[in-house]
């Protein structure tokens, strides 16, 4: 993937990898080539579904590797991504046994094909980030944004632009594939004292089995993420607070349709779990009637309810936050553990589900309230889970929250609602 300039004067050519000018790195970053090798591996192994049909892809060609300053000057380009930190490539689409077609801008549905590959391999398999959202992470460029944005509609672009400079030292850039793995794997293992693969000692065998069984991408069971002092991250709590909103007084959460409303306070905390019991009905028929309402199952006491109702200050944000955390600890997390006990997660994937369940205010199984999401997670089809967020709760006002939860699940990006 060396640079090829269009300059007719041979002496001005960069030799393939720049001349050490501004922003020019001395070769291609090693990480790009390891990512490429992983991508080509998964491209052969993955099953892709498009409009209900199984399709596959194969590598076609590199369309951009290294681009030096000389080339930028020739085409009046200002971007510096490709000075050792990015690769562009195109793919062929395979439909059936004999139909193979290069995907280009003239191919109908090219953007959908590229998004499918980006999502299923780069996002789900390699935890890449869309549009340079995460530091020290592989990034992929989006398509479909038109002339004023990024436009990788018919090709795949990935880069290491967001790596810190400490991970862009000259020794990490290579000009020849022989420099990618200068040592044999066995030699590396010996240097790191990992050569236990031929040992029959019980201790060594257990260690090897543990290493082999570890998920390569770092997913772990819920029980290993959730610890007593750290139920969920602060980012998750702030996200839920932002979308629930804070109210210091009891209110009907659906005033335009009281038959579908719940009596609520704080950060979306339901005082009465019975649908259609408005505040007026609750005060008249439920509050003082133990046959209809059991205060011991309410997140606040009867005394608190009356105090919040009478006082100007109402419920404090601190008390509301405590109730919210109690709900997450006693309702949401146990429900996730029950439904997904054998599923491996990243923490941000768990927290997307925590937000979803908290919004539902329900301890019913995910199999019932979000069947496709449940089915895909329990069968290990992570790449199909993301879009299921968008099919849950299509009521007006929930679409943005589902999209935001989708971003948490996919990339660990918490867009807190102001």
Protein backbone atom coordinates (compact mmCIF):
# COMPACT_ATOMS: atom_id res chain seq x y z
CA UNK A 1 0.00 0.00 0.00
CA UNK A 2 2.75 2.48 -0.78
CA UNK A 3 2.00 5.92 -2.16
CA UNK A 4 1.87 6.38 -5.93
CA UNK A 5 2.10 9.99 -7.00
CA UNK A 6 0.89 11.29 -10.32
CA UNK A 7 3.94 13.50 -10.77
CA UNK A 8 5.79 13.06 -14.06
CA UNK A 9 9.11 14.10 -12.49
CA UNK A 10 10.42 10.83 -10.99
CA UNK A 11 12.90 12.58 -8.73
CA UNK A 12 10.09 14.28 -6.83
CA UNK A 13 8.33 11.04 -6.01
CA UNK A 14 8.24 10.12 -2.36
CA UNK A 15 9.54 6.59 -2.65
CA UNK A 16 6.31 5.11 -1.36
CA UNK A 17 6.10 6.40 2.19
CA UNK A 18 6.79 10.12 2.12
CA UNK A 19 10.01 12.00 2.66
CA UNK A 20 9.61 12.60 6.37
CA UNK A 21 7.72 15.82 5.78
CA UNK A 22 5.05 17.35 7.99
CA UNK A 23 2.56 14.73 9.24
CA UNK A 24 4.26 11.98 7.17
CA UNK A 25 4.83 8.82 9.19
CA UNK A 26 7.62 6.41 8.10
CA UNK A 27 5.40 3.62 6.77
CA UNK A 28 2.04 2.01 7.56
CA UNK A 29 1.03 1.59 11.19
CA UNK A 30 1.34 -2.04 12.26
CA UNK A 31 -2.11 -2.00 13.86
CA UNK A 32 -3.71 -1.33 10.47
CA UNK A 33 -2.22 -4.51 9.09
CA UNK A 34 -3.27 -6.63 12.06
CA UNK A 35 -6.79 -5.20 11.74
CA UNK A 36 -6.71 -5.96 8.03
CA UNK A 37 -5.70 -9.58 8.67
CA UNK A 38 -8.53 -9.95 11.21
CA UNK A 39 -10.99 -8.34 8.82
CA UNK A 40 -10.08 -10.69 5.96
CA UNK A 41 -10.42 -13.66 8.32
CA UNK A 42 -13.91 -12.67 9.46
CA UNK A 43 -14.96 -11.69 5.94
CA UNK A 44 -14.59 -15.35 4.95
CA UNK A 45 -16.20 -16.74 8.11
CA UNK A 46 -19.14 -14.41 8.72
CA UNK A 47 -22.68 -15.04 7.51
CA UNK A 48 -24.44 -11.89 6.33
CA UNK A 49 -28.20 -11.51 6.00
CA UNK A 50 -29.53 -8.83 3.66
CA UNK A 51 -33.27 -8.48 3.04
CA UNK A 52 -33.77 -12.00 4.35
CA UNK A 53 -31.18 -13.53 2.02
CA UNK A 54 -27.75 -14.85 2.88
CA UNK A 55 -24.95 -13.08 1.02
CA UNK A 56 -21.17 -12.93 1.30
CA UNK A 57 -18.33 -10.61 0.41
CA UNK A 58 -14.72 -10.92 -0.72
CA UNK A 59 -11.83 -8.51 -0.85
CA UNK A 60 -11.53 -6.69 -4.19
CA UNK A 61 -8.67 -4.17 -3.99
CA UNK A 62 -7.03 -1.41 -1.98
CA UNK A 63 -8.09 2.00 -3.24
CA UNK A 64 -5.92 4.04 -0.89
CA UNK A 65 -3.02 3.31 1.42
CA UNK A 66 -0.25 5.84 1.94
CA UNK A 67 -0.77 9.37 0.58
CA UNK A 68 2.19 11.74 0.87
CA UNK A 69 2.34 15.54 0.88
CA UNK A 70 3.34 15.56 -2.79
CA UNK A 71 0.16 13.71 -3.71
CA UNK A 72 -1.94 15.99 -1.52
CA UNK A 73 -0.51 19.04 -3.25
CA UNK A 74 -1.24 17.57 -6.66
CA UNK A 75 -4.92 16.99 -5.95
CA UNK A 76 -5.37 19.95 -3.56
CA UNK A 77 -6.21 17.68 -0.64
CA UNK A 78 -5.73 18.72 3.01
CA UNK A 79 -6.50 15.50 4.89
CA UNK A 80 -3.56 13.75 6.55
CA UNK A 81 -5.25 10.50 7.64
CA UNK A 82 -3.56 8.47 4.94
CA UNK A 83 0.00 9.43 5.80
CA UNK A 84 0.52 6.02 7.38
CA UNK A 85 -2.62 5.81 9.49
CA UNK A 86 -5.45 4.71 7.19
CA UNK A 87 -6.52 2.16 4.59
CA UNK A 88 -9.34 2.27 2.03
CA UNK A 89 -10.53 -0.85 0.24
CA UNK A 90 -13.36 -2.10 -1.92
CA UNK A 91 -15.21 -5.38 -1.79
CA UNK A 92 -16.98 -7.76 -4.15
CA UNK A 93 -20.54 -8.88 -3.45
CA UNK A 94 -21.22 -12.60 -3.87
CA UNK A 95 -24.83 -13.66 -4.42
CA UNK A 96 -25.35 -17.33 -5.18
CA UNK A 97 -22.66 -19.62 -6.58
CA UNK A 98 -21.71 -17.79 -9.74
CA UNK A 99 -22.62 -14.13 -9.22
CA UNK A 100 -19.74 -11.93 -8.07
CA UNK A 101 -19.86 -8.17 -8.55
CA UNK A 102 -17.65 -5.30 -7.45
CA UNK A 103 -19.45 -2.88 -5.12
CA UNK A 104 -19.05 0.66 -6.35
CA UNK A 105 -21.09 3.86 -6.28
CA UNK A 106 -23.15 2.65 -9.23
CA UNK A 107 -24.20 -0.51 -7.39
CA UNK A 108 -27.72 -0.18 -5.97
CA UNK A 109 -27.69 -0.51 -2.19
CA UNK A 110 -23.92 -0.04 -1.92
CA UNK A 111 -24.23 1.98 1.30
CA UNK A 112 -26.39 -0.70 2.95
CA UNK A 113 -23.85 -3.39 2.04
CA UNK A 114 -20.97 -1.34 3.45
CA UNK A 115 -22.89 -0.56 6.65
CA UNK A 116 -23.62 -4.26 7.10
CA UNK A 117 -19.93 -5.13 6.84
CA UNK A 118 -18.88 -2.21 9.05
CA UNK A 119 -21.35 -3.15 11.76
CA UNK A 120 -20.93 -6.92 11.72
CA UNK A 121 -17.14 -7.09 11.52
CA UNK A 122 -15.59 -3.80 12.61
CA UNK A 123 -18.08 -2.87 15.33
CA UNK A 124 -19.20 -6.26 16.67
CA UNK A 125 -16.00 -8.22 16.16
CA UNK A 126 -13.28 -5.62 16.61
CA UNK A 127 -15.03 -2.96 18.70
CA UNK A 128 -14.13 -0.19 16.28
CA UNK A 129 -15.75 3.23 16.67
CA UNK A 130 -17.76 5.19 14.16
CA UNK A 131 -16.40 8.58 13.09
CA UNK A 132 -13.46 8.86 15.49
CA UNK A 133 -15.59 8.79 18.63
CA UNK A 134 -13.07 6.99 20.88
CA UNK A 135 -9.42 7.64 21.71
CA UNK A 136 -6.86 4.87 21.11
CA UNK A 137 -9.38 2.93 19.08
CA UNK A 138 -9.71 1.74 15.51
CA UNK A 139 -12.08 4.13 13.71
CA UNK A 140 -14.25 3.61 10.65
CA UNK A 141 -15.68 6.26 8.37
CA UNK A 142 -19.43 6.40 7.80
CA UNK A 143 -21.20 6.81 4.50
CA UNK A 144 -24.41 8.45 3.42
CA UNK A 145 -23.67 11.92 4.76
CA UNK A 146 -23.42 13.66 1.41
CA UNK A 147 -21.18 16.46 0.21
CA UNK A 148 -20.93 18.18 3.58
CA UNK A 149 -19.83 15.10 5.51
CA UNK A 150 -18.10 11.76 5.16
CA UNK A 151 -19.10 9.75 2.17
CA UNK A 152 -17.71 6.21 2.31
CA UNK A 153 -20.79 4.85 0.56
CA UNK A 154 -19.12 2.17 -1.52
CA UNK A 155 -15.83 1.41 0.23
CA UNK A 156 -14.41 0.62 3.66
CA UNK A 157 -12.17 3.15 5.39
CA UNK A 158 -10.50 2.37 8.71
CA UNK A 159 -7.72 4.21 10.51
CA UNK A 160 -5.77 4.79 13.72
CA UNK A 161 -6.09 8.56 13.64
CA UNK A 162 -7.28 8.74 17.24
CA UNK A 163 -4.27 6.89 18.67
CA UNK A 164 -2.29 9.04 21.11
CA UNK A 165 1.19 10.05 19.97
CA UNK A 166 2.77 7.55 22.35
CA UNK A 167 1.28 4.86 20.10
CA UNK A 168 2.54 6.51 16.92
CA UNK A 169 6.27 6.19 17.45
CA UNK A 170 8.37 5.46 14.36
CA UNK A 171 9.05 1.84 15.37
CA UNK A 172 5.34 1.07 14.98
CA UNK A 173 5.37 1.93 11.27
CA UNK A 174 6.62 -0.56 8.69
CA UNK A 175 7.31 -0.53 4.96
CA UNK A 176 7.50 -4.24 4.32
CA UNK A 177 5.28 -7.13 5.43
CA UNK A 178 8.31 -9.03 6.70
CA UNK A 179 8.62 -6.42 9.46
CA UNK A 180 5.09 -7.09 10.72
CA UNK A 181 6.04 -10.22 12.67
CA UNK A 182 9.85 -10.33 12.85
CA UNK A 183 9.74 -13.01 15.55
CA UNK A 184 8.17 -16.44 15.45
CA UNK A 185 5.24 -16.89 17.83
CA UNK A 186 7.08 -19.62 19.71
CA UNK A 187 10.06 -17.32 20.28
CA UNK A 188 7.78 -14.60 21.64
CA UNK A 189 6.15 -17.16 23.95
CA UNK A 190 9.57 -18.23 25.24
CA UNK A 191 10.60 -14.62 25.86
CA UNK A 192 7.40 -14.07 27.85
CA UNK A 193 7.77 -17.38 29.71
CA UNK A 194 4.50 -18.69 28.26
CA UNK A 195 5.80 -22.01 26.95
CA UNK A 196 3.60 -24.29 29.01
CA UNK A 197 1.66 -25.73 26.10
CA UNK A 198 3.42 -29.11 26.31
CA UNK A 199 3.26 -29.33 30.09
CA UNK A 200 1.08 -31.96 31.79
CA UNK A 201 1.26 -30.33 35.23
CA UNK A 202 -2.22 -29.62 36.58
CA UNK A 203 -1.37 -25.97 37.35
CA UNK A 204 -0.07 -25.32 33.82
CA UNK A 205 -2.98 -27.13 32.17
CA UNK A 206 -5.51 -25.07 34.12
CA UNK A 207 -3.71 -21.85 33.19
CA UNK A 208 -3.68 -22.78 29.50
CA UNK A 209 -7.39 -23.73 29.56
CA UNK A 210 -8.21 -20.41 31.22
CA UNK A 211 -6.30 -18.49 28.53
CA UNK A 212 -7.97 -20.44 25.73
CA UNK A 213 -11.46 -20.02 27.16
CA UNK A 214 -11.17 -16.26 27.60
CA UNK A 215 -13.17 -14.29 25.08
CA UNK A 216 -10.72 -12.53 22.77
CA UNK A 217 -12.77 -9.35 22.80
CA UNK A 218 -12.97 -9.04 26.59
CA UNK A 219 -16.64 -9.78 27.18
CA UNK A 220 -17.41 -11.25 30.60
CA UNK A 221 -20.47 -12.53 32.53
CA UNK A 222 -22.63 -9.90 34.23
CA UNK A 223 -21.57 -11.14 37.66
CA UNK A 224 -17.96 -10.15 36.93
CA UNK A 225 -18.92 -6.59 35.95
CA UNK A 226 -21.43 -5.89 38.69
CA UNK A 227 -19.81 -5.52 42.11
CA UNK A 228 -21.40 -4.18 45.33
CA UNK A 229 -19.63 -0.81 45.30
CA UNK A 230 -20.03 -0.26 41.57
CA UNK A 231 -23.45 -1.32 40.30
CA UNK A 232 -23.23 0.77 37.14
CA UNK A 233 -20.95 3.57 35.97
CA UNK A 234 -21.55 7.25 36.74
CA UNK A 235 -21.96 7.81 33.00
CA UNK A 236 -24.86 5.36 32.98
CA UNK A 237 -26.53 7.02 35.96
CA UNK A 238 -26.23 10.47 34.39
CA UNK A 239 -27.63 9.10 31.13
CA UNK A 240 -30.71 7.64 32.85
CA UNK A 241 -31.23 10.81 34.89
CA UNK A 242 -31.09 12.91 31.74
CA UNK A 243 -33.73 10.92 29.90
CA UNK A 244 -36.02 10.32 32.89
CA UNK A 245 -35.91 13.93 34.04
CA UNK A 246 -36.35 15.03 37.66
CA UNK A 247 -39.64 15.97 39.32
CA UNK A 248 -39.78 16.85 43.00
CA UNK A 249 -43.55 16.31 43.26
CA UNK A 250 -45.77 13.34 42.46
CA UNK A 251 -47.21 13.61 38.94
CA UNK A 252 -49.07 11.66 36.27
CA UNK A 253 -46.53 10.62 33.65
CA UNK A 254 -49.09 10.58 30.84
CA UNK A 255 -51.44 13.48 31.57
CA UNK A 256 -52.95 13.40 28.06
CA UNK A 257 -54.10 9.82 28.55
CA UNK A 258 -54.64 9.12 32.24
CA UNK A 259 -55.89 5.59 31.48
CA UNK A 260 -52.33 4.79 30.41
CA UNK A 261 -50.64 6.90 33.07
CA UNK A 262 -48.64 6.02 36.19
CA UNK A 263 -48.22 8.06 39.37
CA UNK A 264 -44.53 8.99 39.38
CA UNK A 265 -41.92 11.06 41.25
CA UNK A 266 -38.17 11.77 41.18
CA UNK A 267 -36.29 10.21 38.27
CA UNK A 268 -39.19 8.28 36.78
CA UNK A 269 -39.89 6.41 40.02
CA UNK A 270 -43.39 4.88 40.07
CA UNK A 271 -45.21 5.39 43.34
CA UNK A 272 -48.13 3.19 42.35
CA UNK A 273 -47.52 0.30 39.90
CA UNK A 274 -51.13 0.23 38.72
CA UNK A 275 -51.73 1.72 35.28
CA UNK A 276 -54.49 4.32 35.13
CA UNK A 277 -54.32 5.33 38.82
CA UNK A 278 -53.87 9.08 38.56
CA UNK A 279 -52.78 11.24 41.48
CA UNK A 280 -56.37 12.29 42.09
CA UNK A 281 -57.58 8.69 42.19
CA UNK A 282 -54.63 7.61 44.31
CA UNK A 283 -55.18 10.33 46.93
CA UNK A 284 -58.89 9.56 47.10
CA UNK A 285 -59.05 5.77 46.92
CA UNK A 286 -55.59 4.22 47.39
CA UNK A 287 -53.39 6.25 49.72
CA UNK A 288 -55.26 5.34 52.90
CA UNK A 289 -56.68 1.98 51.80
CA UNK A 290 -54.37 -0.95 52.70
CA UNK A 291 -56.62 -3.34 50.79
CA UNK A 292 -55.88 -1.52 47.55
CA UNK A 293 -52.33 -0.32 48.13
CA UNK A 294 -49.42 -1.72 50.15
CA UNK A 295 -46.97 1.06 51.14
CA UNK A 296 -44.31 -1.50 52.11
CA UNK A 297 -43.85 -2.27 48.39
CA UNK A 298 -43.58 1.39 47.45
CA UNK A 299 -40.12 2.99 46.96
CA UNK A 300 -41.13 5.82 49.32
CA UNK A 301 -43.04 5.79 52.59
CA UNK A 302 -46.50 7.21 53.12
CA UNK A 303 -44.98 9.88 55.36
CA UNK A 304 -42.53 10.88 52.62
CA UNK A 305 -45.31 11.06 50.05
CA UNK A 306 -47.34 13.40 52.22
CA UNK A 307 -44.29 15.49 53.12
CA UNK A 308 -43.25 15.87 49.47
CA UNK A 309 -46.82 16.77 48.59
CA UNK A 310 -47.14 19.51 51.19
CA UNK A 311 -43.67 21.04 51.27
CA UNK A 312 -42.52 23.51 48.64
CA UNK A 313 -39.15 21.75 48.22
CA UNK A 314 -40.67 18.33 47.62
CA UNK A 315 -38.33 15.40 47.05
CA UNK A 316 -34.60 16.19 46.92
CA UNK A 317 -32.46 15.12 43.96
CA UNK A 318 -30.28 13.13 46.36
CA UNK A 319 -33.28 11.09 47.56
CA UNK A 320 -34.46 10.58 43.98
CA UNK A 321 -31.00 9.36 42.93
CA UNK A 322 -30.95 6.90 45.85
CA UNK A 323 -34.34 5.50 44.83
CA UNK A 324 -33.18 5.18 41.23
CA UNK A 325 -30.03 3.30 42.24
CA UNK A 326 -32.05 1.01 44.52
CA UNK A 327 -34.32 0.16 41.61
CA UNK A 328 -31.35 -0.62 39.37
CA UNK A 329 -29.77 -2.79 42.07
CA UNK A 330 -32.92 -4.62 43.18
CA UNK A 331 -34.94 -4.85 39.96
CA UNK A 332 -32.94 -4.19 36.80
CA UNK A 333 -29.69 -6.01 37.54
CA UNK A 334 -31.41 -9.15 38.97
CA UNK A 335 -33.62 -9.26 35.87
CA UNK A 336 -30.58 -9.08 33.59
CA UNK A 337 -28.79 -11.77 35.59
CA UNK A 338 -31.86 -13.99 35.39
CA UNK A 339 -32.37 -13.55 31.65
CA UNK A 340 -28.73 -13.43 30.51
CA UNK A 341 -26.84 -15.48 33.07
CA UNK A 342 -24.88 -17.35 30.37
CA UNK A 343 -24.28 -14.36 28.07
CA UNK A 344 -20.95 -12.49 27.94
CA UNK A 345 -21.00 -8.68 27.88
CA UNK A 346 -18.99 -5.52 27.84
CA UNK A 347 -20.00 -3.22 30.67
CA UNK A 348 -21.46 -0.64 28.30
CA UNK A 349 -23.67 -3.34 26.73
CA UNK A 350 -25.05 -4.19 30.18
CA UNK A 351 -25.67 -0.53 30.91
CA UNK A 352 -27.62 -0.04 27.69
CA UNK A 353 -29.89 -2.87 28.85
CA UNK A 354 -30.10 -1.39 32.36
CA UNK A 355 -31.36 1.89 30.90
CA UNK A 356 -33.86 0.04 28.72
CA UNK A 357 -35.20 -2.03 31.62
CA UNK A 358 -35.36 0.99 33.95
CA UNK A 359 -37.40 2.81 31.33
CA UNK A 360 -39.79 -0.15 31.20
CA UNK A 361 -40.16 -0.21 35.02
CA UNK A 362 -40.78 -3.91 34.65
CA UNK A 363 -39.40 -7.11 36.13
CA UNK A 364 -40.87 -9.26 33.37
CA UNK A 365 -38.53 -11.31 31.20
CA UNK A 366 -36.77 -9.73 28.24
CA UNK A 367 -38.05 -12.75 26.32
CA UNK A 368 -41.54 -11.27 26.67
CA UNK A 369 -40.91 -7.53 26.39
CA UNK A 370 -38.08 -7.62 23.82
CA UNK A 371 -38.14 -11.11 22.32
CA UNK A 372 -35.85 -10.57 19.32
CA UNK A 373 -33.24 -8.76 21.41
CA UNK A 374 -33.38 -11.58 23.96
CA UNK A 375 -33.15 -14.26 21.27
CA UNK A 376 -30.15 -12.67 19.55
CA UNK A 377 -28.24 -12.10 22.78
CA UNK A 378 -28.79 -15.59 24.15
CA UNK A 379 -27.66 -17.11 20.83
CA UNK A 380 -24.52 -14.93 20.69
CA UNK A 381 -25.63 -12.88 17.67
CA UNK A 382 -24.39 -9.54 19.01
CA UNK A 383 -24.35 -8.01 15.56
CA UNK A 384 -28.15 -8.35 15.34
CA UNK A 385 -28.89 -6.86 18.77
CA UNK A 386 -28.16 -3.23 17.98
CA UNK A 387 -31.08 -2.55 15.65
CA UNK A 388 -33.52 -4.25 18.01
CA UNK A 389 -33.27 -1.23 20.32
CA UNK A 390 -34.99 0.80 17.61
CA UNK A 391 -37.94 -1.61 17.49
CA UNK A 392 -38.68 -1.39 21.22
CA UNK A 393 -41.11 1.28 22.39
CA UNK A 394 -41.86 3.19 19.22
CA UNK A 395 -44.01 5.73 21.06
CA UNK A 396 -43.24 9.36 20.34
CA UNK A 397 -40.56 10.58 22.73
CA UNK A 398 -38.85 7.21 23.09
CA UNK A 399 -37.18 7.04 19.68
CA UNK A 400 -34.31 9.33 20.67
CA UNK A 401 -33.71 7.38 23.86
CA UNK A 402 -33.62 4.08 21.99
CA UNK A 403 -31.14 5.54 19.50
CA UNK A 404 -28.99 6.80 22.39
CA UNK A 405 -29.12 3.38 24.09
CA UNK A 406 -28.12 1.82 20.79
CA UNK A 407 -24.99 4.01 20.76
CA UNK A 408 -24.15 2.89 24.29
CA UNK A 409 -24.54 -0.76 23.32
CA UNK A 410 -22.52 -0.41 20.12
CA UNK A 411 -19.70 1.91 21.09
CA UNK A 412 -19.99 2.87 24.75
CA UNK A 413 -20.94 6.44 23.78
CA UNK A 414 -23.15 8.06 26.43
CA UNK A 415 -24.98 11.06 25.02
CA UNK A 416 -26.48 12.61 28.14
CA UNK A 417 -29.68 14.51 27.52
CA UNK A 418 -29.44 18.06 28.81
